[in-house]
């Protein structure tokens, strides 16, 4: 099963904006979806955010969708 990692934006949560909708749409398409509540979104520190992502194992064909600040974090990772 393919995986999808959805990363919300600055001051967001896993329930913000369009994340619940996108999660359900991907699950319909047989993705295992992770939408973690990311740490320190009110006062983010880039290095801490990158460290948080170290716990996720992704493979070819998996997708990452990042919003706002987390686009920069993902690229740094």
PDB file of N, CA and C in Angstrom:
ATOM      1  N   UNK A   1       0.839  -1.176   0.000  1.00  0.00           N
ATOM      2  CA  UNK A   1       0.000   0.000   0.000  1.00  0.00           C
ATOM      3  C   UNK A   1       0.889   1.246   0.000  1.00  0.00           C
ATOM      4  N   UNK A   2       0.563   2.202  -0.854  1.00  0.00           N
ATOM      5  CA  UNK A   2       1.322   3.445  -0.897  1.00  0.00           C
ATOM      6  C   UNK A   2       0.956   4.315   0.301  1.00  0.00           C
ATOM      7  N   UNK A   3       1.892   5.191   0.660  1.00  0.00           N
ATOM      8  CA  UNK A   3       1.671   6.081   1.796  1.00  0.00           C
ATOM      9  C   UNK A   3       1.631   7.525   1.327  1.00  0.00           C
ATOM     10  N   UNK A   4       0.920   8.339   2.110  1.00  0.00           N
ATOM     11  CA  UNK A   4       0.902   9.777   1.886  1.00  0.00           C
ATOM     12  C   UNK A   4       1.153  10.454   3.226  1.00  0.00           C
ATOM     13  N   UNK A   5       2.015  11.435   3.205  1.00  0.00           N
ATOM     14  CA  UNK A   5       2.333  12.220   4.388  1.00  0.00           C
ATOM     15  C   UNK A   5       1.862  13.647   4.118  1.00  0.00           C
ATOM     16  N   UNK A   6       0.920  14.128   4.928  1.00  0.00           N
ATOM     17  CA  UNK A   6       0.373  15.470   4.770  1.00  0.00           C
ATOM     18  C   UNK A   6       0.889  16.333   5.911  1.00  0.00           C
ATOM     19  N   UNK A   7       1.490  17.457   5.565  1.00  0.00           N
ATOM     20  CA  UNK A   7       2.112  18.335   6.556  1.00  0.00           C
ATOM     21  C   UNK A   7       1.392  19.682   6.560  1.00  0.00           C
ATOM     22  N   UNK A   8       0.721  19.995   7.655  1.00  0.00           N
ATOM     23  CA  UNK A   8      -0.037  21.243   7.746  1.00  0.00           C
ATOM     24  C   UNK A   8       0.886  22.441   7.902  1.00  0.00           C
ATOM     25  N   UNK A   9       0.324  23.625   7.810  1.00  0.00           N
ATOM     26  CA  UNK A   9       1.126  24.841   7.826  1.00  0.00           C
ATOM     27  C   UNK A   9       1.321  25.450   9.203  1.00  0.00           C
ATOM     28  N   UNK A  10       1.939  26.590   9.189  1.00  0.00           N
ATOM     29  CA  UNK A  10       2.235  27.386  10.377  1.00  0.00           C
ATOM     30  C   UNK A  10       0.942  27.621  11.156  1.00  0.00           C
ATOM     31  N   UNK A  11       0.965  27.380  12.444  1.00  0.00           N
ATOM     32  CA  UNK A  11      -0.172  27.529  13.363  1.00  0.00           C
ATOM     33  C   UNK A  11      -1.351  26.627  13.012  1.00  0.00           C
ATOM     34  N   UNK A  12      -1.128  25.604  12.206  1.00  0.00           N
ATOM     35  CA  UNK A  12      -2.190  24.697  11.807  1.00  0.00           C
ATOM     36  C   UNK A  12      -2.211  23.433  12.644  1.00  0.00           C
ATOM     37  N   UNK A  13      -3.168  22.571  12.330  1.00  0.00           N
ATOM     38  CA  UNK A  13      -3.275  21.246  12.943  1.00  0.00           C
ATOM     39  C   UNK A  13      -3.654  20.243  11.858  1.00  0.00           C
ATOM     40  N   UNK A  14      -3.721  18.993  12.226  1.00  0.00           N
ATOM     41  CA  UNK A  14      -4.123  17.955  11.278  1.00  0.00           C
ATOM     42  C   UNK A  14      -5.581  18.106  10.856  1.00  0.00           C
ATOM     43  N   UNK A  15      -6.347  18.896  11.588  1.00  0.00           N
ATOM     44  CA  UNK A  15      -7.759  19.123  11.267  1.00  0.00           C
ATOM     45  C   UNK A  15      -8.004  20.466  10.581  1.00  0.00           C
ATOM     46  N   UNK A  16      -6.944  21.207  10.266  1.00  0.00           N
ATOM     47  CA  UNK A  16      -7.079  22.526   9.642  1.00  0.00           C
ATOM     48  C   UNK A  16      -7.424  22.414   8.163  1.00  0.00           C
ATOM     49  N   UNK A  17      -8.121  23.420   7.692  1.00  0.00           N
ATOM     50  CA  UNK A  17      -8.369  23.662   6.267  1.00  0.00           C
ATOM     51  C   UNK A  17      -8.875  22.417   5.550  1.00  0.00           C
ATOM     52  N   UNK A  18      -8.141  21.990   4.531  1.00  0.00           N
ATOM     53  CA  UNK A  18      -8.570  20.910   3.646  1.00  0.00           C
ATOM     54  C   UNK A  18      -7.935  19.565   3.982  1.00  0.00           C
ATOM     55  N   UNK A  19      -7.224  19.481   5.088  1.00  0.00           N
ATOM     56  CA  UNK A  19      -6.537  18.224   5.414  1.00  0.00           C
ATOM     57  C   UNK A  19      -7.481  17.055   5.682  1.00  0.00           C
ATOM     58  N   UNK A  20      -8.575  17.222   6.435  1.00  0.00           N
ATOM     59  CA  UNK A  20      -9.490  16.081   6.617  1.00  0.00           C
ATOM     60  C   UNK A  20     -10.085  15.593   5.287  1.00  0.00           C
ATOM     61  N   UNK A  21     -10.442  16.524   4.415  1.00  0.00           N
ATOM     62  CA  UNK A  21     -10.999  16.151   3.110  1.00  0.00           C
ATOM     63  C   UNK A  21      -9.964  15.380   2.283  1.00  0.00           C
ATOM     64  N   UNK A  22      -8.743  15.911   2.201  1.00  0.00           N
ATOM     65  CA  UNK A  22      -7.709  15.260   1.398  1.00  0.00           C
ATOM     66  C   UNK A  22      -7.368  13.883   1.955  1.00  0.00           C
ATOM     67  N   UNK A  23      -7.324  13.767   3.260  1.00  0.00           N
ATOM     68  CA  UNK A  23      -7.050  12.466   3.886  1.00  0.00           C
ATOM     69  C   UNK A  23      -8.082  11.434   3.444  1.00  0.00           C
ATOM     70  N   UNK A  24      -9.353  11.788   3.498  1.00  0.00           N
ATOM     71  CA  UNK A  24     -10.397  10.832   3.108  1.00  0.00           C
ATOM     72  C   UNK A  24     -10.339  10.517   1.616  1.00  0.00           C
ATOM     73  N   UNK A  25     -10.023  11.503   0.776  1.00  0.00           N
ATOM     74  CA  UNK A  25      -9.898  11.254  -0.659  1.00  0.00           C
ATOM     75  C   UNK A  25      -8.749  10.295  -0.964  1.00  0.00           C
ATOM     76  N   UNK A  26      -7.646  10.439  -0.290  1.00  0.00           N
ATOM     77  CA  UNK A  26      -6.513   9.539  -0.510  1.00  0.00           C
ATOM     78  C   UNK A  26      -6.798   8.129   0.010  1.00  0.00           C
ATOM     79  N   UNK A  27      -7.495   8.033   1.130  1.00  0.00           N
ATOM     80  CA  UNK A  27      -7.837   6.712   1.670  1.00  0.00           C
ATOM     81  C   UNK A  27      -8.762   5.953   0.721  1.00  0.00           C
ATOM     82  N   UNK A  28      -9.644   6.652   0.061  1.00  0.00           N
ATOM     83  CA  UNK A  28     -10.515   6.022  -0.949  1.00  0.00           C
ATOM     84  C   UNK A  28      -9.668   5.406  -2.059  1.00  0.00           C
ATOM     85  N   UNK A  29      -8.525   6.021  -2.322  1.00  0.00           N
ATOM     86  CA  UNK A  29      -7.628   5.569  -3.386  1.00  0.00           C
ATOM     87  C   UNK A  29      -6.535   4.628  -2.856  1.00  0.00           C
ATOM     88  N   UNK A  30      -6.768   4.043  -1.711  1.00  0.00           N
ATOM     89  CA  UNK A  30      -5.919   3.013  -1.117  1.00  0.00           C
ATOM     90  C   UNK A  30      -4.564   3.515  -0.654  1.00  0.00           C
ATOM     91  N   UNK A  31      -4.517   4.733  -0.152  1.00  0.00           N
ATOM     92  CA  UNK A  31      -3.301   5.237   0.466  1.00  0.00           C
ATOM     93  C   UNK A  31      -3.409   5.089   1.978  1.00  0.00           C
ATOM     94  N   UNK A  32      -2.317   4.759   2.602  1.00  0.00           N
ATOM     95  CA  UNK A  32      -2.194   4.839   4.051  1.00  0.00           C
ATOM     96  C   UNK A  32      -1.753   6.276   4.332  1.00  0.00           C
ATOM     97  N   UNK A  33      -2.599   7.051   5.016  1.00  0.00           N
ATOM     98  CA  UNK A  33      -2.371   8.489   5.135  1.00  0.00           C
ATOM     99  C   UNK A  33      -1.959   8.855   6.555  1.00  0.00           C
ATOM    100  N   UNK A  34      -0.876   9.633   6.657  1.00  0.00           N
ATOM    101  CA  UNK A  34      -0.402  10.169   7.925  1.00  0.00           C
ATOM    102  C   UNK A  34      -0.581  11.683   7.908  1.00  0.00           C
ATOM    103  N   UNK A  35      -1.284  12.199   8.912  1.00  0.00           N
ATOM    104  CA  UNK A  35      -1.462  13.645   9.062  1.00  0.00           C
ATOM    105  C   UNK A  35      -1.137  13.980  10.520  1.00  0.00           C
ATOM    106  N   UNK A  36       0.139  14.044  10.846  1.00  0.00           N
ATOM    107  CA  UNK A  36       0.518  14.275  12.245  1.00  0.00           C
ATOM    108  C   UNK A  36       0.276  15.729  12.657  1.00  0.00           C
ATOM    109  N   UNK A  37       0.005  15.912  13.935  1.00  0.00           N
ATOM    110  CA  UNK A  37       0.014  17.261  14.496  1.00  0.00           C
ATOM    111  C   UNK A  37       1.482  17.602  14.744  1.00  0.00           C
ATOM    112  N   UNK A  38       1.961  18.544  13.992  1.00  0.00           N
ATOM    113  CA  UNK A  38       3.380  18.862  13.992  1.00  0.00           C
ATOM    114  C   UNK A  38       3.753  19.718  15.191  1.00  0.00           C
ATOM    115  N   UNK A  39       4.987  19.597  15.670  1.00  0.00           N
ATOM    116  CA  UNK A  39       5.399  20.292  16.891  1.00  0.00           C
ATOM    117  C   UNK A  39       5.690  21.781  16.675  1.00  0.00           C
ATOM    118  N   UNK A  40       5.447  22.558  17.704  1.00  0.00           N
ATOM    119  CA  UNK A  40       5.873  23.963  17.765  1.00  0.00           C
ATOM    120  C   UNK A  40       5.445  24.790  16.562  1.00  0.00           C
ATOM    121  N   UNK A  41       4.194  24.651  16.128  1.00  0.00           N
ATOM    122  CA  UNK A  41       3.778  25.388  14.933  1.00  0.00           C
ATOM    123  C   UNK A  41       3.546  26.871  15.202  1.00  0.00           C
ATOM    124  N   UNK A  42       3.409  27.269  16.457  1.00  0.00           N
ATOM    125  CA  UNK A  42       3.254  28.697  16.755  1.00  0.00           C
ATOM    126  C   UNK A  42       4.589  29.422  16.713  1.00  0.00           C
ATOM    127  N   UNK A  43       5.651  28.740  17.130  1.00  0.00           N
ATOM    128  CA  UNK A  43       7.003  29.323  17.110  1.00  0.00           C
ATOM    129  C   UNK A  43       7.977  28.272  16.568  1.00  0.00           C
ATOM    130  N   UNK A  44       7.903  27.988  15.269  1.00  0.00           N
ATOM    131  CA  UNK A  44       8.700  26.896  14.709  1.00  0.00           C
ATOM    132  C   UNK A  44      10.195  27.197  14.671  1.00  0.00           C
ATOM    133  N   UNK A  45      10.962  26.141  14.914  1.00  0.00           N
ATOM    134  CA  UNK A  45      12.415  26.171  14.774  1.00  0.00           C
ATOM    135  C   UNK A  45      12.739  25.116  13.712  1.00  0.00           C
ATOM    136  N   UNK A  46      13.321  25.559  12.611  1.00  0.00           N
ATOM    137  CA  UNK A  46      13.517  24.705  11.446  1.00  0.00           C
ATOM    138  C   UNK A  46      14.187  23.377  11.781  1.00  0.00           C
ATOM    139  N   UNK A  47      15.249  23.406  12.564  1.00  0.00           N
ATOM    140  CA  UNK A  47      15.975  22.166  12.885  1.00  0.00           C
ATOM    141  C   UNK A  47      15.088  21.179  13.642  1.00  0.00           C
ATOM    142  N   UNK A  48      14.255  21.667  14.557  1.00  0.00           N
ATOM    143  CA  UNK A  48      13.345  20.789  15.309  1.00  0.00           C
ATOM    144  C   UNK A  48      12.297  20.180  14.387  1.00  0.00           C
ATOM    145  N   UNK A  49      11.828  20.968  13.441  1.00  0.00           N
ATOM    146  CA  UNK A  49      10.820  20.469  12.508  1.00  0.00           C
ATOM    147  C   UNK A  49      11.407  19.368  11.618  1.00  0.00           C
ATOM    148  N   UNK A  50      12.622  19.582  11.147  1.00  0.00           N
ATOM    149  CA  UNK A  50      13.289  18.584  10.312  1.00  0.00           C
ATOM    150  C   UNK A  50      13.521  17.301  11.113  1.00  0.00           C
ATOM    151  N   UNK A  51      13.956  17.418  12.361  1.00  0.00           N
ATOM    152  CA  UNK A  51      14.153  16.243  13.217  1.00  0.00           C
ATOM    153  C   UNK A  51      12.867  15.443  13.373  1.00  0.00           C
ATOM    154  N   UNK A  52      11.747  16.115  13.465  1.00  0.00           N
ATOM    155  CA  UNK A  52      10.461  15.441  13.606  1.00  0.00           C
ATOM    156  C   UNK A  52      10.193  14.497  12.422  1.00  0.00           C
ATOM    157  N   UNK A  53      10.602  14.906  11.237  1.00  0.00           N
ATOM    158  CA  UNK A  53      10.343  14.097  10.041  1.00  0.00           C
ATOM    159  C   UNK A  53      11.198  12.841   9.964  1.00  0.00           C
ATOM    160  N   UNK A  54      12.253  12.751  10.749  1.00  0.00           N
ATOM    161  CA  UNK A  54      13.127  11.582  10.704  1.00  0.00           C
ATOM    162  C   UNK A  54      12.411  10.284  11.036  1.00  0.00           C
ATOM    163  N   UNK A  55      11.272  10.349  11.707  1.00  0.00           N
ATOM    164  CA  UNK A  55      10.547   9.144  12.082  1.00  0.00           C
ATOM    165  C   UNK A  55       9.703   8.543  10.970  1.00  0.00           C
ATOM    166  N   UNK A  56       9.618   9.204   9.827  1.00  0.00           N
ATOM    167  CA  UNK A  56       8.771   8.715   8.745  1.00  0.00           C
ATOM    168  C   UNK A  56       9.603   8.039   7.669  1.00  0.00           C
ATOM    169  N   UNK A  57       9.218   6.828   7.321  1.00  0.00           N
ATOM    170  CA  UNK A  57       9.886   6.075   6.264  1.00  0.00           C
ATOM    171  C   UNK A  57       8.992   6.098   5.031  1.00  0.00           C
ATOM    172  N   UNK A  58       9.524   6.637   3.938  1.00  0.00           N
ATOM    173  CA  UNK A  58       8.768   6.723   2.702  1.00  0.00           C
ATOM    174  C   UNK A  58       9.494   5.951   1.609  1.00  0.00           C
ATOM    175  N   UNK A  59       8.717   5.479   0.635  1.00  0.00           N
ATOM    176  CA  UNK A  59       9.252   4.669  -0.451  1.00  0.00           C
ATOM    177  C   UNK A  59       8.859   5.262  -1.783  1.00  0.00           C
ATOM    178  N   UNK A  60       9.452   4.783  -2.841  1.00  0.00           N
ATOM    179  CA  UNK A  60       9.103   5.228  -4.184  1.00  0.00           C
ATOM    180  C   UNK A  60       7.602   5.048  -4.388  1.00  0.00           C
ATOM    181  N   UNK A  61       6.965   6.074  -4.897  1.00  0.00           N
ATOM    182  CA  UNK A  61       5.517   6.024  -5.118  1.00  0.00           C
ATOM    183  C   UNK A  61       4.719   6.654  -4.000  1.00  0.00           C
ATOM    184  N   UNK A  62       5.346   6.858  -2.849  1.00  0.00           N
ATOM    185  CA  UNK A  62       4.669   7.556  -1.752  1.00  0.00           C
ATOM    186  C   UNK A  62       4.641   9.049  -2.069  1.00  0.00           C
ATOM    187  N   UNK A  63       3.705   9.764  -1.456  1.00  0.00           N
ATOM    188  CA  UNK A  63       3.606  11.192  -1.731  1.00  0.00           C
ATOM    189  C   UNK A  63       3.690  12.004  -0.448  1.00  0.00           C
ATOM    190  N   UNK A  64       4.159  13.223  -0.617  1.00  0.00           N
ATOM    191  CA  UNK A  64       4.230  14.182   0.477  1.00  0.00           C
ATOM    192  C   UNK A  64       3.532  15.441  -0.007  1.00  0.00           C
ATOM    193  N   UNK A  65       2.604  15.931   0.787  1.00  0.00           N
ATOM    194  CA  UNK A  65       1.928  17.181   0.477  1.00  0.00           C
ATOM    195  C   UNK A  65       2.149  18.096   1.668  1.00  0.00           C
ATOM    196  N   UNK A  66       2.845  19.203   1.416  1.00  0.00           N
ATOM    197  CA  UNK A  66       3.180  20.135   2.489  1.00  0.00           C
ATOM    198  C   UNK A  66       2.545  21.486   2.202  1.00  0.00           C
ATOM    199  N   UNK A  67       2.170  22.162   3.271  1.00  0.00           N
ATOM    200  CA  UNK A  67       1.531  23.472   3.160  1.00  0.00           C
ATOM    201  C   UNK A  67       2.332  24.494   3.953  1.00  0.00           C
ATOM    202  N   UNK A  68       2.496  25.681   3.402  1.00  0.00           N
ATOM    203  CA  UNK A  68       3.068  26.820   4.098  1.00  0.00           C
ATOM    204  C   UNK A  68       4.513  26.514   4.519  1.00  0.00           C
ATOM    205  N   UNK A  69       4.835  26.779   5.769  1.00  0.00           N
ATOM    206  CA  UNK A  69       6.185  26.587   6.294  1.00  0.00           C
ATOM    207  C   UNK A  69       6.713  25.188   6.040  1.00  0.00           C
ATOM    208  N   UNK A  70       5.856  24.203   6.044  1.00  0.00           N
ATOM    209  CA  UNK A  70       6.316  22.817   5.931  1.00  0.00           C
ATOM    210  C   UNK A  70       6.860  22.481   4.552  1.00  0.00           C
ATOM    211  N   UNK A  71       6.579  23.304   3.541  1.00  0.00           N
ATOM    212  CA  UNK A  71       7.240  23.106   2.244  1.00  0.00           C
ATOM    213  C   UNK A  71       8.742  23.298   2.414  1.00  0.00           C
ATOM    214  N   UNK A  72       9.119  24.343   3.118  1.00  0.00           N
ATOM    215  CA  UNK A  72      10.534  24.615   3.369  1.00  0.00           C
ATOM    216  C   UNK A  72      11.152  23.520   4.238  1.00  0.00           C
ATOM    217  N   UNK A  73      10.439  23.074   5.237  1.00  0.00           N
ATOM    218  CA  UNK A  73      10.940  22.012   6.130  1.00  0.00           C
ATOM    219  C   UNK A  73      11.175  20.739   5.320  1.00  0.00           C
ATOM    220  N   UNK A  74      10.224  20.377   4.464  1.00  0.00           N
ATOM    221  CA  UNK A  74      10.365  19.152   3.684  1.00  0.00           C
ATOM    222  C   UNK A  74      11.571  19.229   2.764  1.00  0.00           C
ATOM    223  N   UNK A  75      11.764  20.374   2.104  1.00  0.00           N
ATOM    224  CA  UNK A  75      12.918  20.533   1.213  1.00  0.00           C
ATOM    225  C   UNK A  75      14.233  20.433   2.003  1.00  0.00           C
ATOM    226  N   UNK A  76      14.261  20.982   3.203  1.00  0.00           N
ATOM    227  CA  UNK A  76      15.458  20.915   4.047  1.00  0.00           C
ATOM    228  C   UNK A  76      15.733  19.476   4.486  1.00  0.00           C
ATOM    229  N   UNK A  77      14.659  18.711   4.732  1.00  0.00           N
ATOM    230  CA  UNK A  77      14.785  17.330   5.158  1.00  0.00           C
ATOM    231  C   UNK A  77      15.471  16.517   4.066  1.00  0.00           C
TER     232      UNK A  77
END
